[in-house]
Amino acid sequence: PTKTDFHSVAAENFYQKLQSLSNTIISLQYKPDKFLTFKVQEANFG
């Protein structure tokens, strides 16, 4: 075998996790003089 079952499962889990990450970018007027743009994956501690 070129990969062990463990490595196969680990790689599959990694790619599933990677695909589940949102690539959404949000832009909004946060304050009258401040525009905020961020990737959803940058948000935490909600």
ModelCIF file with pLDDT and N, C-alpha, C, O atoms, coordinates in Angstrom:
data_MODEL
#
_entry.id   MODEL 
#
_entity.id                         1 
_entity.type                       polymer 
_entity.pdbx_number_of_molecules   1 
#
_entity_poly.entity_id                      1 
_entity_poly.type                           'polypeptide(L)' 
_entity_poly.nstd_linkage                   no 
_entity_poly.nstd_monomer                   no 
_entity_poly.pdbx_seq_one_letter_code       PTKTDFHSVAAENFYQKLQSLSNTIISLQYKPDKFLTFKVQEANFG 
_entity_poly.pdbx_seq_one_letter_code_can   PTKTDFHSVAAENFYQKLQSLSNTIISLQYKPDKFLTFKVQEANFG 
_entity_poly.pdbx_strand_id                 A 
#
loop_
_entity_poly_seq.entity_id 
_entity_poly_seq.num 
_entity_poly_seq.mon_id 
_entity_poly_seq.hetero 
1 1  PRO n 
1 2  THR n 
1 3  LYS n 
1 4  THR n 
1 5  ASP n 
1 6  PHE n 
1 7  HIS n 
1 8  SER n 
1 9  VAL n 
1 10 ALA n 
1 11 ALA n 
1 12 GLU n 
1 13 ASN n 
1 14 PHE n 
1 15 TYR n 
1 16 GLN n 
1 17 LYS n 
1 18 LEU n 
1 19 GLN n 
1 20 SER n 
1 21 LEU n 
1 22 SER n 
1 23 ASN n 
1 24 THR n 
1 25 ILE n 
1 26 ILE n 
1 27 SER n 
1 28 LEU n 
1 29 GLN n 
1 30 TYR n 
1 31 LYS n 
1 32 PRO n 
1 33 ASP n 
1 34 LYS n 
1 35 PHE n 
1 36 LEU n 
1 37 THR n 
1 38 PHE n 
1 39 LYS n 
1 40 VAL n 
1 41 GLN n 
1 42 GLU n 
1 43 ALA n 
1 44 ASN n 
1 45 PHE n 
1 46 GLY n 
#
_struct_asym.id          A 
_struct_asym.entity_id   1 
#
loop_
_ma_qa_metric.id 
_ma_qa_metric.mode 
_ma_qa_metric.name 
_ma_qa_metric.software_group_id 
_ma_qa_metric.type 
1 global pLDDT . pLDDT 
2 local  pLDDT . pLDDT 
#
_ma_qa_metric_global.metric_id      1 
_ma_qa_metric_global.metric_value   79.50 
_ma_qa_metric_global.model_id       1 
_ma_qa_metric_global.ordinal_id     1 
#
loop_
_ma_qa_metric_local.label_asym_id 
_ma_qa_metric_local.label_comp_id 
_ma_qa_metric_local.label_seq_id 
_ma_qa_metric_local.metric_id 
_ma_qa_metric_local.metric_value 
_ma_qa_metric_local.model_id 
_ma_qa_metric_local.ordinal_id 
A PRO 1  2 58.00 1 1  
A THR 2  2 59.00 1 2  
A LYS 3  2 57.00 1 3  
A THR 4  2 59.00 1 4  
A ASP 5  2 58.00 1 5  
A PHE 6  2 58.00 1 6  
A HIS 7  2 61.00 1 7  
A SER 8  2 67.00 1 8  
A VAL 9  2 66.00 1 9  
A ALA 10 2 65.00 1 10 
A ALA 11 2 64.00 1 11 
A GLU 12 2 70.00 1 12 
A ASN 13 2 66.00 1 13 
A PHE 14 2 61.00 1 14 
A TYR 15 2 61.00 1 15 
A GLN 16 2 63.00 1 16 
A LYS 17 2 60.00 1 17 
A LEU 18 2 55.00 1 18 
A GLN 19 2 58.00 1 19 
A SER 20 2 59.00 1 20 
A LEU 21 2 61.00 1 21 
A SER 22 2 70.00 1 22 
A ASN 23 2 88.00 1 23 
A THR 24 2 94.00 1 24 
A ILE 25 2 96.00 1 25 
A ILE 26 2 97.00 1 26 
A SER 27 2 97.00 1 27 
A LEU 28 2 97.00 1 28 
A GLN 29 2 97.00 1 29 
A TYR 30 2 97.00 1 30 
A LYS 31 2 96.00 1 31 
A PRO 32 2 95.00 1 32 
A ASP 33 2 96.00 1 33 
A LYS 34 2 96.00 1 34 
A PHE 35 2 96.00 1 35 
A LEU 36 2 97.00 1 36 
A THR 37 2 98.00 1 37 
A PHE 38 2 97.00 1 38 
A LYS 39 2 96.00 1 39 
A VAL 40 2 96.00 1 40 
A GLN 41 2 94.00 1 41 
A GLU 42 2 96.00 1 42 
A ALA 43 2 97.00 1 43 
A ASN 44 2 96.00 1 44 
A PHE 45 2 96.00 1 45 
A GLY 46 2 96.00 1 46 
#
loop_
_atom_site.group_PDB 
_atom_site.id 
_atom_site.type_symbol 
_atom_site.label_atom_id 
_atom_site.label_alt_id 
_atom_site.label_comp_id 
_atom_site.label_asym_id 
_atom_site.label_entity_id 
_atom_site.label_seq_id 
_atom_site.pdbx_PDB_ins_code 
_atom_site.Cartn_x 
_atom_site.Cartn_y 
_atom_site.Cartn_z 
_atom_site.occupancy 
_atom_site.B_iso_or_equiv 
_atom_site.pdbx_formal_charge 
_atom_site.auth_seq_id 
_atom_site.auth_comp_id 
_atom_site.auth_asym_id 
_atom_site.auth_atom_id 
_atom_site.pdbx_PDB_model_num 
ATOM 1   N N  . PRO A 1 1  ? 0.839   -1.209 0.000  1.00 58.00 ? 1  PRO A N  1 
ATOM 2   C CA . PRO A 1 1  ? 0.000   0.000  0.000  1.00 58.00 ? 1  PRO A CA 1 
ATOM 3   C C  . PRO A 1 1  ? 0.869   1.253  0.000  1.00 58.00 ? 1  PRO A C  1 
ATOM 4   O O  . PRO A 1 1  ? 1.923   1.298  0.634  1.00 58.00 ? 1  PRO A O  1 
ATOM 5   N N  . THR A 1 2  ? 0.409   2.257  -0.718 1.00 59.00 ? 2  THR A N  1 
ATOM 6   C CA . THR A 1 2  ? 1.154   3.510  -0.752 1.00 59.00 ? 2  THR A CA 1 
ATOM 7   C C  . THR A 1 2  ? 0.806   4.393  0.437  1.00 59.00 ? 2  THR A C  1 
ATOM 8   O O  . THR A 1 2  ? 1.606   5.238  0.838  1.00 59.00 ? 2  THR A O  1 
ATOM 9   N N  . LYS A 1 3  ? -0.382  4.205  1.002  1.00 57.00 ? 3  LYS A N  1 
ATOM 10  C CA . LYS A 1 3  ? -0.804  4.962  2.182  1.00 57.00 ? 3  LYS A CA 1 
ATOM 11  C C  . LYS A 1 3  ? -1.367  3.975  3.194  1.00 57.00 ? 3  LYS A C  1 
ATOM 12  O O  . LYS A 1 3  ? -1.974  2.970  2.820  1.00 57.00 ? 3  LYS A O  1 
ATOM 13  N N  . THR A 1 4  ? -1.172  4.254  4.434  1.00 59.00 ? 4  THR A N  1 
ATOM 14  C CA . THR A 1 4  ? -1.811  3.427  5.457  1.00 59.00 ? 4  THR A CA 1 
ATOM 15  C C  . THR A 1 4  ? -3.259  3.864  5.576  1.00 59.00 ? 4  THR A C  1 
ATOM 16  O O  . THR A 1 4  ? -3.630  4.962  5.162  1.00 59.00 ? 4  THR A O  1 
ATOM 17  N N  . ASP A 1 5  ? -4.068  2.990  6.147  1.00 58.00 ? 5  ASP A N  1 
ATOM 18  C CA . ASP A 1 5  ? -5.469  3.343  6.350  1.00 58.00 ? 5  ASP A CA 1 
ATOM 19  C C  . ASP A 1 5  ? -5.589  4.602  7.198  1.00 58.00 ? 5  ASP A C  1 
ATOM 20  O O  . ASP A 1 5  ? -6.452  5.447  6.959  1.00 58.00 ? 5  ASP A O  1 
ATOM 21  N N  . PHE A 1 6  ? -4.711  4.717  8.194  1.00 58.00 ? 6  PHE A N  1 
ATOM 22  C CA . PHE A 1 6  ? -4.751  5.898  9.063  1.00 58.00 ? 6  PHE A CA 1 
ATOM 23  C C  . PHE A 1 6  ? -4.534  7.172  8.263  1.00 58.00 ? 6  PHE A C  1 
ATOM 24  O O  . PHE A 1 6  ? -5.283  8.138  8.405  1.00 58.00 ? 6  PHE A O  1 
ATOM 25  N N  . HIS A 1 7  ? -3.499  7.172  7.415  1.00 61.00 ? 7  HIS A N  1 
ATOM 26  C CA . HIS A 1 7  ? -3.214  8.367  6.620  1.00 61.00 ? 7  HIS A CA 1 
ATOM 27  C C  . HIS A 1 7  ? -4.343  8.670  5.660  1.00 61.00 ? 7  HIS A C  1 
ATOM 28  O O  . HIS A 1 7  ? -4.651  9.835  5.406  1.00 61.00 ? 7  HIS A O  1 
ATOM 29  N N  . SER A 1 8  ? -4.959  7.637  5.127  1.00 67.00 ? 8  SER A N  1 
ATOM 30  C CA . SER A 1 8  ? -6.077  7.808  4.209  1.00 67.00 ? 8  SER A CA 1 
ATOM 31  C C  . SER A 1 8  ? -7.251  8.494  4.912  1.00 67.00 ? 8  SER A C  1 
ATOM 32  O O  . SER A 1 8  ? -7.835  9.443  4.388  1.00 67.00 ? 8  SER A O  1 
ATOM 33  N N  . VAL A 1 9  ? -7.584  7.999  6.103  1.00 66.00 ? 9  VAL A N  1 
ATOM 34  C CA . VAL A 1 9  ? -8.690  8.569  6.869  1.00 66.00 ? 9  VAL A CA 1 
ATOM 35  C C  . VAL A 1 9  ? -8.351  9.990  7.305  1.00 66.00 ? 9  VAL A C  1 
ATOM 36  O O  . VAL A 1 9  ? -9.198  10.880 7.229  1.00 66.00 ? 9  VAL A O  1 
ATOM 37  N N  . ALA A 1 10 ? -7.125  10.206 7.758  1.00 65.00 ? 10 ALA A N  1 
ATOM 38  C CA . ALA A 1 10 ? -6.713  11.541 8.196  1.00 65.00 ? 10 ALA A CA 1 
ATOM 39  C C  . ALA A 1 10 ? -6.782  12.536 7.043  1.00 65.00 ? 10 ALA A C  1 
ATOM 40  O O  . ALA A 1 10 ? -7.247  13.662 7.216  1.00 65.00 ? 10 ALA A O  1 
ATOM 41  N N  . ALA A 1 11 ? -6.323  12.123 5.880  1.00 64.00 ? 11 ALA A N  1 
ATOM 42  C CA . ALA A 1 11 ? -6.356  13.014 4.712  1.00 64.00 ? 11 ALA A CA 1 
ATOM 43  C C  . ALA A 1 11 ? -7.789  13.317 4.315  1.00 64.00 ? 11 ALA A C  1 
ATOM 44  O O  . ALA A 1 11 ? -8.121  14.458 3.992  1.00 64.00 ? 11 ALA A O  1 
ATOM 45  N N  . GLU A 1 12 ? -8.641  12.292 4.337  1.00 70.00 ? 12 GLU A N  1 
ATOM 46  C CA . GLU A 1 12 ? -10.048 12.504 3.986  1.00 70.00 ? 12 GLU A CA 1 
ATOM 47  C C  . GLU A 1 12 ? -10.713 13.461 4.967  1.00 70.00 ? 12 GLU A C  1 
ATOM 48  O O  . GLU A 1 12 ? -11.449 14.359 4.557  1.00 70.00 ? 12 GLU A O  1 
ATOM 49  N N  . ASN A 1 13 ? -10.456 13.275 6.263  1.00 66.00 ? 13 ASN A N  1 
ATOM 50  C CA . ASN A 1 13 ? -11.025 14.176 7.277  1.00 66.00 ? 13 ASN A CA 1 
ATOM 51  C C  . ASN A 1 13 ? -10.531 15.607 7.079  1.00 66.00 ? 13 ASN A C  1 
ATOM 52  O O  . ASN A 1 13 ? -11.296 16.562 7.214  1.00 66.00 ? 13 ASN A O  1 
ATOM 53  N N  . PHE A 1 14 ? -9.242  15.745 6.756  1.00 61.00 ? 14 PHE A N  1 
ATOM 54  C CA . PHE A 1 14 ? -8.671  17.070 6.526  1.00 61.00 ? 14 PHE A CA 1 
ATOM 55  C C  . PHE A 1 14 ? -9.360  17.768 5.359  1.00 61.00 ? 14 PHE A C  1 
ATOM 56  O O  . PHE A 1 14 ? -9.738  18.935 5.466  1.00 61.00 ? 14 PHE A O  1 
ATOM 57  N N  . TYR A 1 15 ? -9.522  17.061 4.250  1.00 61.00 ? 15 TYR A N  1 
ATOM 58  C CA . TYR A 1 15 ? -10.135 17.669 3.072  1.00 61.00 ? 15 TYR A CA 1 
ATOM 59  C C  . TYR A 1 15 ? -11.615 17.957 3.284  1.00 61.00 ? 15 TYR A C  1 
ATOM 60  O O  . TYR A 1 15 ? -12.132 18.942 2.755  1.00 61.00 ? 15 TYR A O  1 
ATOM 61  N N  . GLN A 1 16 ? -12.307 17.116 4.049  1.00 63.00 ? 16 GLN A N  1 
ATOM 62  C CA . GLN A 1 16 ? -13.706 17.401 4.372  1.00 63.00 ? 16 GLN A CA 1 
ATOM 63  C C  . GLN A 1 16 ? -13.802 18.665 5.223  1.00 63.00 ? 16 GLN A C  1 
ATOM 64  O O  . GLN A 1 16 ? -14.672 19.506 4.998  1.00 63.00 ? 16 GLN A O  1 
ATOM 65  N N  . LYS A 1 17 ? -12.913 18.795 6.193  1.00 60.00 ? 17 LYS A N  1 
ATOM 66  C CA . LYS A 1 17 ? -12.894 19.989 7.049  1.00 60.00 ? 17 LYS A CA 1 
ATOM 67  C C  . LYS A 1 17 ? -12.573 21.228 6.218  1.00 60.00 ? 17 LYS A C  1 
ATOM 68  O O  . LYS A 1 17 ? -13.189 22.279 6.392  1.00 60.00 ? 17 LYS A O  1 
ATOM 69  N N  . LEU A 1 18 ? -11.616 21.096 5.324  1.00 55.00 ? 18 LEU A N  1 
ATOM 70  C CA . LEU A 1 18 ? -11.223 22.202 4.466  1.00 55.00 ? 18 LEU A CA 1 
ATOM 71  C C  . LEU A 1 18 ? -12.380 22.651 3.581  1.00 55.00 ? 18 LEU A C  1 
ATOM 72  O O  . LEU A 1 18 ? -12.590 23.849 3.393  1.00 55.00 ? 18 LEU A O  1 
ATOM 73  N N  . GLN A 1 19 ? -13.127 21.701 3.040  1.00 58.00 ? 19 GLN A N  1 
ATOM 74  C CA . GLN A 1 19 ? -14.259 22.028 2.177  1.00 58.00 ? 19 GLN A CA 1 
ATOM 75  C C  . GLN A 1 19 ? -15.408 22.644 2.959  1.00 58.00 ? 19 GLN A C  1 
ATOM 76  O O  . GLN A 1 19 ? -16.195 23.409 2.401  1.00 58.00 ? 19 GLN A O  1 
ATOM 77  N N  . SER A 1 20 ? -15.516 22.319 4.253  1.00 59.00 ? 20 SER A N  1 
ATOM 78  C CA . SER A 1 20 ? -16.621 22.845 5.048  1.00 59.00 ? 20 SER A CA 1 
ATOM 79  C C  . SER A 1 20 ? -16.367 24.281 5.518  1.00 59.00 ? 20 SER A C  1 
ATOM 80  O O  . SER A 1 20 ? -17.286 24.953 5.985  1.00 59.00 ? 20 SER A O  1 
ATOM 81  N N  . LEU A 1 21 ? -15.119 24.751 5.394  1.00 61.00 ? 21 LEU A N  1 
ATOM 82  C CA . LEU A 1 21 ? -14.830 26.126 5.784  1.00 61.00 ? 21 LEU A CA 1 
ATOM 83  C C  . LEU A 1 21 ? -15.505 27.083 4.815  1.00 61.00 ? 21 LEU A C  1 
ATOM 84  O O  . LEU A 1 21 ? -15.458 26.899 3.599  1.00 61.00 ? 21 LEU A O  1 
ATOM 85  N N  . SER A 1 22 ? -16.116 28.079 5.361  1.00 70.00 ? 22 SER A N  1 
ATOM 86  C CA . SER A 1 22 ? -16.788 29.056 4.523  1.00 70.00 ? 22 SER A CA 1 
ATOM 87  C C  . SER A 1 22 ? -15.764 29.968 3.868  1.00 70.00 ? 22 SER A C  1 
ATOM 88  O O  . SER A 1 22 ? -14.815 30.413 4.513  1.00 70.00 ? 22 SER A O  1 
ATOM 89  N N  . ASN A 1 23 ? -15.959 30.242 2.597  1.00 88.00 ? 23 ASN A N  1 
ATOM 90  C CA . ASN A 1 23 ? -15.100 31.206 1.918  1.00 88.00 ? 23 ASN A CA 1 
ATOM 91  C C  . ASN A 1 23 ? -15.858 32.514 1.693  1.00 88.00 ? 23 ASN A C  1 
ATOM 92  O O  . ASN A 1 23 ? -15.463 33.338 0.868  1.00 88.00 ? 23 ASN A O  1 
ATOM 93  N N  . THR A 1 24 ? -16.946 32.691 2.433  1.00 94.00 ? 24 THR A N  1 
ATOM 94  C CA . THR A 1 24 ? -17.777 33.879 2.324  1.00 94.00 ? 24 THR A CA 1 
ATOM 95  C C  . THR A 1 24 ? -17.028 35.100 2.851  1.00 94.00 ? 24 THR A C  1 
ATOM 96  O O  . THR A 1 24 ? -16.382 35.051 3.898  1.00 94.00 ? 24 THR A O  1 
ATOM 97  N N  . ILE A 1 25 ? -17.130 36.181 2.112  1.00 96.00 ? 25 ILE A N  1 
ATOM 98  C CA . ILE A 1 25 ? -16.562 37.460 2.525  1.00 96.00 ? 25 ILE A CA 1 
ATOM 99  C C  . ILE A 1 25 ? -17.726 38.414 2.779  1.00 96.00 ? 25 ILE A C  1 
ATOM 100 O O  . ILE A 1 25 ? -18.603 38.573 1.930  1.00 96.00 ? 25 ILE A O  1 
ATOM 101 N N  . ILE A 1 26 ? -17.727 39.039 3.938  1.00 97.00 ? 26 ILE A N  1 
ATOM 102 C CA . ILE A 1 26 ? -18.791 39.977 4.308  1.00 97.00 ? 26 ILE A CA 1 
ATOM 103 C C  . ILE A 1 26 ? -18.215 41.387 4.321  1.00 97.00 ? 26 ILE A C  1 
ATOM 104 O O  . ILE A 1 26 ? -17.149 41.631 4.887  1.00 97.00 ? 26 ILE A O  1 
ATOM 105 N N  . SER A 1 27 ? -18.924 42.297 3.699  1.00 97.00 ? 27 SER A N  1 
ATOM 106 C CA . SER A 1 27 ? -18.563 43.723 3.713  1.00 97.00 ? 27 SER A CA 1 
ATOM 107 C C  . SER A 1 27 ? -19.776 44.499 4.194  1.00 97.00 ? 27 SER A C  1 
ATOM 108 O O  . SER A 1 27 ? -20.891 44.290 3.716  1.00 97.00 ? 27 SER A O  1 
ATOM 109 N N  . LEU A 1 28 ? -19.551 45.388 5.136  1.00 97.00 ? 28 LEU A N  1 
ATOM 110 C CA . LEU A 1 28 ? -20.659 46.204 5.633  1.00 97.00 ? 28 LEU A CA 1 
ATOM 111 C C  . LEU A 1 28 ? -20.158 47.532 6.184  1.00 97.00 ? 28 LEU A C  1 
ATOM 112 O O  . LEU A 1 28 ? -18.985 47.695 6.521  1.00 97.00 ? 28 LEU A O  1 
ATOM 113 N N  . GLN A 1 29 ? -21.083 48.461 6.261  1.00 97.00 ? 29 GLN A N  1 
ATOM 114 C CA . GLN A 1 29 ? -20.793 49.772 6.848  1.00 97.00 ? 29 GLN A CA 1 
ATOM 115 C C  . GLN A 1 29 ? -20.914 49.600 8.355  1.00 97.00 ? 29 GLN A C  1 
ATOM 116 O O  . GLN A 1 29 ? -22.022 49.516 8.884  1.00 97.00 ? 29 GLN A O  1 
ATOM 117 N N  . TYR A 1 30 ? -19.769 49.546 9.054  1.00 97.00 ? 30 TYR A N  1 
ATOM 118 C CA . TYR A 1 30 ? -19.800 49.294 10.495 1.00 97.00 ? 30 TYR A CA 1 
ATOM 119 C C  . TYR A 1 30 ? -20.124 50.560 11.276 1.00 97.00 ? 30 TYR A C  1 
ATOM 120 O O  . TYR A 1 30 ? -20.940 50.538 12.198 1.00 97.00 ? 30 TYR A O  1 
ATOM 121 N N  . LYS A 1 31 ? -19.495 51.642 10.911 1.00 96.00 ? 31 LYS A N  1 
ATOM 122 C CA . LYS A 1 31 ? -19.759 52.965 11.494 1.00 96.00 ? 31 LYS A CA 1 
ATOM 123 C C  . LYS A 1 31 ? -19.875 53.940 10.330 1.00 96.00 ? 31 LYS A C  1 
ATOM 124 O O  . LYS A 1 31 ? -19.494 53.601 9.209  1.00 96.00 ? 31 LYS A O  1 
ATOM 125 N N  . PRO A 1 32 ? -20.381 55.118 10.563 1.00 95.00 ? 32 PRO A N  1 
ATOM 126 C CA . PRO A 1 32 ? -20.503 56.065 9.443  1.00 95.00 ? 32 PRO A CA 1 
ATOM 127 C C  . PRO A 1 32 ? -19.189 56.290 8.691  1.00 95.00 ? 32 PRO A C  1 
ATOM 128 O O  . PRO A 1 32 ? -19.193 56.541 7.485  1.00 95.00 ? 32 PRO A O  1 
ATOM 129 N N  . ASP A 1 33 ? -18.074 56.199 9.405  1.00 96.00 ? 33 ASP A N  1 
ATOM 130 C CA . ASP A 1 33 ? -16.784 56.440 8.756  1.00 96.00 ? 33 ASP A CA 1 
ATOM 131 C C  . ASP A 1 33 ? -15.915 55.181 8.670  1.00 96.00 ? 33 ASP A C  1 
ATOM 132 O O  . ASP A 1 33 ? -14.717 55.269 8.398  1.00 96.00 ? 33 ASP A O  1 
ATOM 133 N N  . LYS A 1 34 ? -16.531 53.990 8.905  1.00 96.00 ? 34 LYS A N  1 
ATOM 134 C CA . LYS A 1 34 ? -15.748 52.749 8.891  1.00 96.00 ? 34 LYS A CA 1 
ATOM 135 C C  . LYS A 1 34 ? -16.481 51.643 8.143  1.00 96.00 ? 34 LYS A C  1 
ATOM 136 O O  . LYS A 1 34 ? -17.593 51.251 8.497  1.00 96.00 ? 34 LYS A O  1 
ATOM 137 N N  . PHE A 1 35 ? -15.824 51.159 7.103  1.00 96.00 ? 35 PHE A N  1 
ATOM 138 C CA . PHE A 1 35 ? -16.323 50.045 6.314  1.00 96.00 ? 35 PHE A CA 1 
ATOM 139 C C  . PHE A 1 35 ? -15.551 48.809 6.756  1.00 96.00 ? 35 PHE A C  1 
ATOM 140 O O  . PHE A 1 35 ? -14.326 48.865 6.860  1.00 96.00 ? 35 PHE A O  1 
ATOM 141 N N  . LEU A 1 36 ? -16.230 47.696 7.019  1.00 97.00 ? 36 LEU A N  1 
ATOM 142 C CA . LEU A 1 36 ? -15.593 46.480 7.515  1.00 97.00 ? 36 LEU A CA 1 
ATOM 143 C C  . LEU A 1 36 ? -15.763 45.353 6.498  1.00 97.00 ? 36 LEU A C  1 
ATOM 144 O O  . LEU A 1 36 ? -16.880 45.051 6.079  1.00 97.00 ? 36 LEU A O  1 
ATOM 145 N N  . THR A 1 37 ? -14.673 44.746 6.111  1.00 98.00 ? 37 THR A N  1 
ATOM 146 C CA . THR A 1 37 ? -14.681 43.585 5.220  1.00 98.00 ? 37 THR A CA 1 
ATOM 147 C C  . THR A 1 37 ? -13.871 42.481 5.877  1.00 98.00 ? 37 THR A C  1 
ATOM 148 O O  . THR A 1 37 ? -12.746 42.707 6.322  1.00 98.00 ? 37 THR A O  1 
ATOM 149 N N  . PHE A 1 38 ? -14.457 41.265 5.938  1.00 97.00 ? 38 PHE A N  1 
ATOM 150 C CA . PHE A 1 38 ? -13.753 40.149 6.565  1.00 97.00 ? 38 PHE A CA 1 
ATOM 151 C C  . PHE A 1 38 ? -14.239 38.827 5.985  1.00 97.00 ? 38 PHE A C  1 
ATOM 152 O O  . PHE A 1 38 ? -15.354 38.722 5.474  1.00 97.00 ? 38 PHE A O  1 
ATOM 153 N N  . LYS A 1 39 ? -13.371 37.821 6.079  1.00 96.00 ? 39 LYS A N  1 
ATOM 154 C CA . LYS A 1 39 ? -13.756 36.463 5.716  1.00 96.00 ? 39 LYS A CA 1 
ATOM 155 C C  . LYS A 1 39 ? -14.462 35.859 6.919  1.00 96.00 ? 39 LYS A C  1 
ATOM 156 O O  . LYS A 1 39 ? -14.025 36.045 8.054  1.00 96.00 ? 39 LYS A O  1 
ATOM 157 N N  . VAL A 1 40 ? -15.542 35.144 6.682  1.00 96.00 ? 40 VAL A N  1 
ATOM 158 C CA . VAL A 1 40 ? -16.308 34.545 7.777  1.00 96.00 ? 40 VAL A CA 1 
ATOM 159 C C  . VAL A 1 40 ? -15.416 33.672 8.648  1.00 96.00 ? 40 VAL A C  1 
ATOM 160 O O  . VAL A 1 40 ? -15.586 33.644 9.867  1.00 96.00 ? 40 VAL A O  1 
ATOM 161 N N  . GLN A 1 41 ? -14.467 32.957 8.044  1.00 94.00 ? 41 GLN A N  1 
ATOM 162 C CA . GLN A 1 41 ? -13.602 32.079 8.836  1.00 94.00 ? 41 GLN A CA 1 
ATOM 163 C C  . GLN A 1 41 ? -12.676 32.839 9.774  1.00 94.00 ? 41 GLN A C  1 
ATOM 164 O O  . GLN A 1 41 ? -12.035 32.222 10.625 1.00 94.00 ? 41 GLN A O  1 
ATOM 165 N N  . GLU A 1 42 ? -12.586 34.172 9.645  1.00 96.00 ? 42 GLU A N  1 
ATOM 166 C CA . GLU A 1 42 ? -11.779 34.984 10.565 1.00 96.00 ? 42 GLU A CA 1 
ATOM 167 C C  . GLU A 1 42 ? -12.529 35.290 11.860 1.00 96.00 ? 42 GLU A C  1 
ATOM 168 O O  . GLU A 1 42 ? -11.916 35.709 12.842 1.00 96.00 ? 42 GLU A O  1 
ATOM 169 N N  . ALA A 1 43 ? -13.843 35.087 11.872 1.00 97.00 ? 43 ALA A N  1 
ATOM 170 C CA . ALA A 1 43 ? -14.666 35.424 13.036 1.00 97.00 ? 43 ALA A CA 1 
ATOM 171 C C  . ALA A 1 43 ? -14.624 34.288 14.060 1.00 97.00 ? 43 ALA A C  1 
ATOM 172 O O  . ALA A 1 43 ? -14.694 33.112 13.705 1.00 97.00 ? 43 ALA A O  1 
ATOM 173 N N  . ASN A 1 44 ? -14.507 34.663 15.341 1.00 96.00 ? 44 ASN A N  1 
ATOM 174 C CA . ASN A 1 44 ? -14.540 33.668 16.407 1.00 96.00 ? 44 ASN A CA 1 
ATOM 175 C C  . ASN A 1 44 ? -15.033 34.292 17.700 1.00 96.00 ? 44 ASN A C  1 
ATOM 176 O O  . ASN A 1 44 ? -15.292 35.494 17.763 1.00 96.00 ? 44 ASN A O  1 
ATOM 177 N N  . PHE A 1 45 ? -15.160 33.471 18.727 1.00 96.00 ? 45 PHE A N  1 
ATOM 178 C CA . PHE A 1 45 ? -15.621 33.912 20.058 1.00 96.00 ? 45 PHE A CA 1 
ATOM 179 C C  . PHE A 1 45 ? -16.957 34.648 19.972 1.00 96.00 ? 45 PHE A C  1 
ATOM 180 O O  . PHE A 1 45 ? -17.097 35.750 20.503 1.00 96.00 ? 45 PHE A O  1 
ATOM 181 N N  . GLY A 1 46 ? -17.923 34.047 19.314 1.00 96.00 ? 46 GLY A N  1 
ATOM 182 C CA . GLY A 1 46 ? -19.225 34.674 19.124 1.00 96.00 ? 46 GLY A CA 1 
ATOM 183 C C  . GLY A 1 46 ? -20.142 34.519 20.316 1.00 96.00 ? 46 GLY A C  1 
ATOM 184 O O  . GLY A 1 46 ? -21.275 35.001 20.291 1.00 96.00 ? 46 GLY A O  1 
#
